[in-house]
Protein backbone atom coordinates (compact mmCIF):
# COMPACT_ATOMS: atom_id res chain seq x y z
CA MET A 1 0.00 0.00 0.00
CA PRO A 2 1.42 3.44 -0.91
CA SER A 3 2.49 5.67 1.92
CA ILE A 4 0.75 8.95 2.70
CA LYS A 5 3.60 10.98 1.21
CA PRO A 6 3.20 9.71 -2.40
CA LEU A 7 -0.58 10.15 -2.16
CA ALA A 8 -0.06 13.73 -1.02
CA ARG A 9 2.27 14.29 -3.98
CA ARG A 10 -0.35 12.92 -6.38
CA ALA A 11 -2.93 15.23 -4.90
CA ALA A 12 -0.47 18.10 -5.23
CA VAL A 13 0.05 17.45 -8.93
CA ILE A 14 -3.68 17.13 -9.54
CA ALA A 15 -4.31 20.38 -7.71
CA LEU A 16 -1.34 21.96 -9.43
CA GLY A 17 -2.76 20.92 -12.77
CA ALA A 18 -6.05 22.55 -11.98
CA LEU A 19 -4.67 25.81 -10.69
CA LEU A 20 -1.27 26.57 -12.19
CA LEU A 21 -0.55 24.56 -15.28
CA PRO A 22 -3.15 26.31 -17.47
CA THR A 23 -0.96 29.40 -17.28
CA LEU A 24 2.11 27.54 -18.49
CA SER A 25 2.92 26.74 -22.09
CA LEU A 26 5.62 24.91 -23.92
CA ALA A 27 6.55 26.25 -27.33
CA GLN A 28 5.88 23.91 -30.25
CA ASP A 29 9.43 24.43 -31.54
CA GLU A 30 11.05 23.88 -28.16
CA ALA A 31 13.27 20.83 -28.04
CA PRO A 32 11.85 18.18 -25.73
CA PRO A 33 13.52 18.07 -22.32
CA PRO A 34 15.70 15.08 -21.49
CA GLN A 35 13.95 12.07 -19.93
CA ASP A 36 15.00 12.99 -16.40
CA LYS A 37 14.16 16.70 -16.66
CA VAL A 38 10.99 18.72 -17.07
CA GLY A 39 10.75 22.14 -18.63
CA PRO A 40 11.73 25.17 -16.56
CA ALA A 41 8.13 26.44 -16.45
CA PHE A 42 6.88 23.18 -14.93
CA GLN A 43 9.82 23.00 -12.51
CA ALA A 44 9.10 26.55 -11.35
CA ALA A 45 5.43 25.70 -10.81
CA PHE A 46 6.32 22.59 -8.79
CA SER A 47 8.83 24.51 -6.66
CA ALA A 48 6.33 27.33 -6.06
CA ASN A 49 4.03 24.73 -4.49
CA GLY A 50 6.75 23.22 -2.32
CA TRP A 51 7.09 20.04 -4.35
CA ASP A 52 10.36 19.21 -6.05
CA PRO A 53 9.69 15.78 -7.56
CA THR A 54 12.37 13.34 -8.54
CA PRO A 55 11.97 11.95 -12.06
CA GLU A 56 10.65 8.71 -10.53
CA GLU A 57 8.05 10.56 -8.43
CA LEU A 58 6.93 12.57 -11.43
CA ALA A 59 6.71 9.43 -13.58
CA ASP A 60 4.62 7.73 -10.86
CA THR A 61 2.36 10.78 -10.63
CA LEU A 62 1.84 10.90 -14.39
CA ASP A 63 1.08 7.17 -14.35
CA ALA A 64 -1.53 7.77 -11.63
CA TRP A 65 -2.97 10.66 -13.69
CA LEU A 66 -3.52 8.26 -16.59
CA LYS A 67 -4.71 5.20 -14.67
CA GLU A 68 -6.72 6.87 -11.91
CA PHE A 69 -7.56 10.52 -12.48
CA VAL A 70 -8.63 10.56 -16.15
CA VAL A 71 -9.34 6.85 -16.61
CA TYR A 72 -13.00 7.50 -17.53
CA LEU A 73 -12.31 10.55 -19.72
CA ILE A 74 -9.36 9.66 -21.89
CA THR A 75 -9.94 8.00 -25.26
CA ASP A 76 -8.05 4.88 -26.34
CA GLU A 77 -6.25 6.94 -28.98
CA GLU A 78 -5.19 9.57 -26.44
CA ARG A 79 -4.02 6.85 -24.03
CA ASP A 80 -1.88 5.26 -26.78
CA ILE A 81 -0.31 8.62 -27.66
CA PHE A 82 0.42 9.42 -24.00
CA GLU A 83 2.03 6.02 -23.39
CA GLN A 84 4.28 6.42 -26.44
CA LEU A 85 5.66 9.82 -25.41
CA PRO A 86 9.32 9.36 -24.49
CA THR A 87 9.90 12.19 -22.00
CA LEU A 88 8.29 13.48 -18.84
CA GLY A 89 8.18 17.00 -20.30
CA GLN A 90 6.22 15.77 -23.30
CA LYS A 91 3.83 13.90 -21.01
CA LEU A 92 3.28 17.03 -18.91
CA ALA A 93 2.61 19.03 -22.08
CA PHE A 94 0.16 16.31 -23.18
CA THR A 95 -1.78 16.67 -19.91
CA GLU A 96 -2.15 20.37 -20.60
CA ARG A 97 -3.37 19.79 -24.15
CA PHE A 98 -5.73 17.10 -22.85
CA TRP A 99 -7.49 19.65 -20.65
CA ASP A 100 -7.24 22.49 -23.17
CA ILE A 101 -9.22 20.64 -25.84
CA ARG A 102 -12.00 19.98 -23.31
CA ASP A 103 -12.18 23.57 -22.03
CA PRO A 104 -15.68 24.93 -22.75
CA THR A 105 -14.41 28.52 -22.55
CA PRO A 106 -10.94 28.68 -24.14
CA GLY A 107 -9.00 31.83 -23.49
CA THR A 108 -10.15 32.20 -19.89
CA ARG A 109 -8.01 31.38 -16.86
CA LEU A 110 -10.40 28.77 -15.48
CA ASN A 111 -11.02 25.50 -17.24
CA GLU A 112 -14.51 24.67 -15.99
CA TYR A 113 -14.37 21.12 -17.33
CA ARG A 114 -11.16 20.35 -15.43
CA ARG A 115 -12.50 21.90 -12.26
CA GLU A 116 -15.78 19.98 -12.47
CA HIS A 117 -13.89 16.74 -13.04
CA MET A 118 -11.71 17.44 -9.98
CA VAL A 119 -14.78 18.08 -7.83
CA ARG A 120 -16.47 14.89 -9.04
CA TRP A 121 -13.30 12.81 -8.57
CA ALA A 122 -12.73 14.15 -5.05
CA THR A 123 -16.40 13.66 -4.15
CA ALA A 124 -16.33 10.06 -5.38
CA ASN A 125 -13.24 9.37 -3.28
CA ARG A 126 -14.74 11.01 -0.21
CA ARG A 127 -18.19 9.40 -0.44
CA PHE A 128 -17.64 5.97 -1.93
CA SER A 129 -14.28 4.69 -0.66
CA ALA A 130 -14.83 1.33 1.02
CA GLY A 131 -11.94 -1.07 0.67
CA ARG A 132 -10.88 0.61 -2.57
CA PRO A 133 -10.69 4.18 -3.82
CA GLY A 134 -14.04 5.84 -4.48
CA TRP A 135 -13.20 6.58 -8.12
CA ALA A 136 -12.82 2.81 -8.71
CA THR A 137 -16.31 1.92 -7.45
CA ASP A 138 -19.40 1.66 -9.65
CA ARG A 139 -21.02 4.66 -7.99
CA GLY A 140 -17.79 6.62 -8.24
CA ARG A 141 -17.50 5.90 -11.96
CA VAL A 142 -21.10 7.01 -12.60
CA LEU A 143 -20.65 10.16 -10.51
CA ILE A 144 -17.44 11.07 -12.35
CA ILE A 145 -18.90 10.48 -15.81
CA MET A 146 -22.47 11.72 -15.30
CA GLY A 147 -22.21 14.09 -12.37
CA PRO A 148 -24.56 14.10 -9.39
CA PRO A 149 -28.02 12.64 -10.06
CA ASN A 150 -31.08 14.87 -10.35
CA ASN A 151 -32.87 12.60 -7.91
CA LEU A 152 -31.52 10.10 -5.41
CA GLN A 153 -33.75 7.50 -3.80
CA ARG A 154 -32.13 5.63 -0.90
CA ASN A 155 -33.58 2.30 0.15
CA PRO A 156 -31.56 1.22 3.22
CA MET A 157 -33.80 -1.80 3.83
CA GLY A 158 -34.57 -2.51 0.19
CA ARG A 159 -37.76 -1.39 -1.51
CA ASP A 160 -40.04 -4.09 -0.10
CA GLY A 161 -38.03 -5.54 2.76
CA SER A 162 -36.89 -8.63 0.87
CA GLU A 163 -34.34 -6.76 -1.24
CA ARG A 164 -30.86 -5.65 -0.37
CA ALA A 165 -30.17 -2.02 0.42
CA SER A 166 -30.07 0.06 -2.75
CA GLU A 167 -29.89 3.52 -4.24
CA VAL A 168 -31.66 4.65 -7.38
CA TRP A 169 -30.03 7.54 -9.22
CA THR A 170 -32.19 9.39 -11.74
CA TYR A 171 -30.82 11.69 -14.44
CA ASN A 172 -33.15 14.07 -16.32
CA MET A 173 -30.68 15.81 -18.61
CA ALA A 174 -31.75 15.51 -22.24
CA ASP A 175 -28.67 17.45 -23.37
CA ASN A 176 -26.18 15.18 -21.58
CA ILE A 177 -24.24 13.33 -24.31
CA ASN A 178 -23.39 10.59 -21.79
CA LEU A 179 -27.06 9.54 -21.81
CA LEU A 180 -27.23 8.97 -25.56
C-alpha cells in the first residue's frame, strides 16, 4: 500500500494541474527536455508549491494521472499517444493539451471542465471509498462520468423488505451526451 507521502504528492500534482498549469505553455518548436528533466516552467510551478519531484516521483504521478484521475475521460487513442511519449516534459505538455481541448471557454483562466472533473473525482473518493478508492467503485465511476443525479432515492432496507439495500439515481438531462 502506498504511503501517505506519495498520495499527497499525487494530490499536489492534480491540484497543481487545476490551478497553475493552465498558465504555463511549452513552445511547439522547443526541443523536448531530457527524460530525467521537465521544462523550466513546470519545474518553477512545482517549486512554487513546495514540491520538487524526482523523475521517478513525477513518472509515478503521471502514471496515476492516466490510470486513476482521467481513466474515464481519456480516449483509447489519447491513451496510446500518451504512453508512447518518451519524455516526462512531453507527457506534462500532453496533460495540458488534454485539458485544453476539453475547455468549454478557451481563453479564460479557469477550465470549468477540469475543475468539475476534480470536484467529481474528489467527491467520489470522499463518499464511496470502502476497501478501494471511491473513483474505482461503480457509484464513483457514474458520478465522475455523469455528475450528481437529479434525484436520489435511498432504500436502506430494500424497496419491499426482501431486497438488499439500494440507491436509485435518476438523471433528467436531455442534453447530456453521456445519456445517448
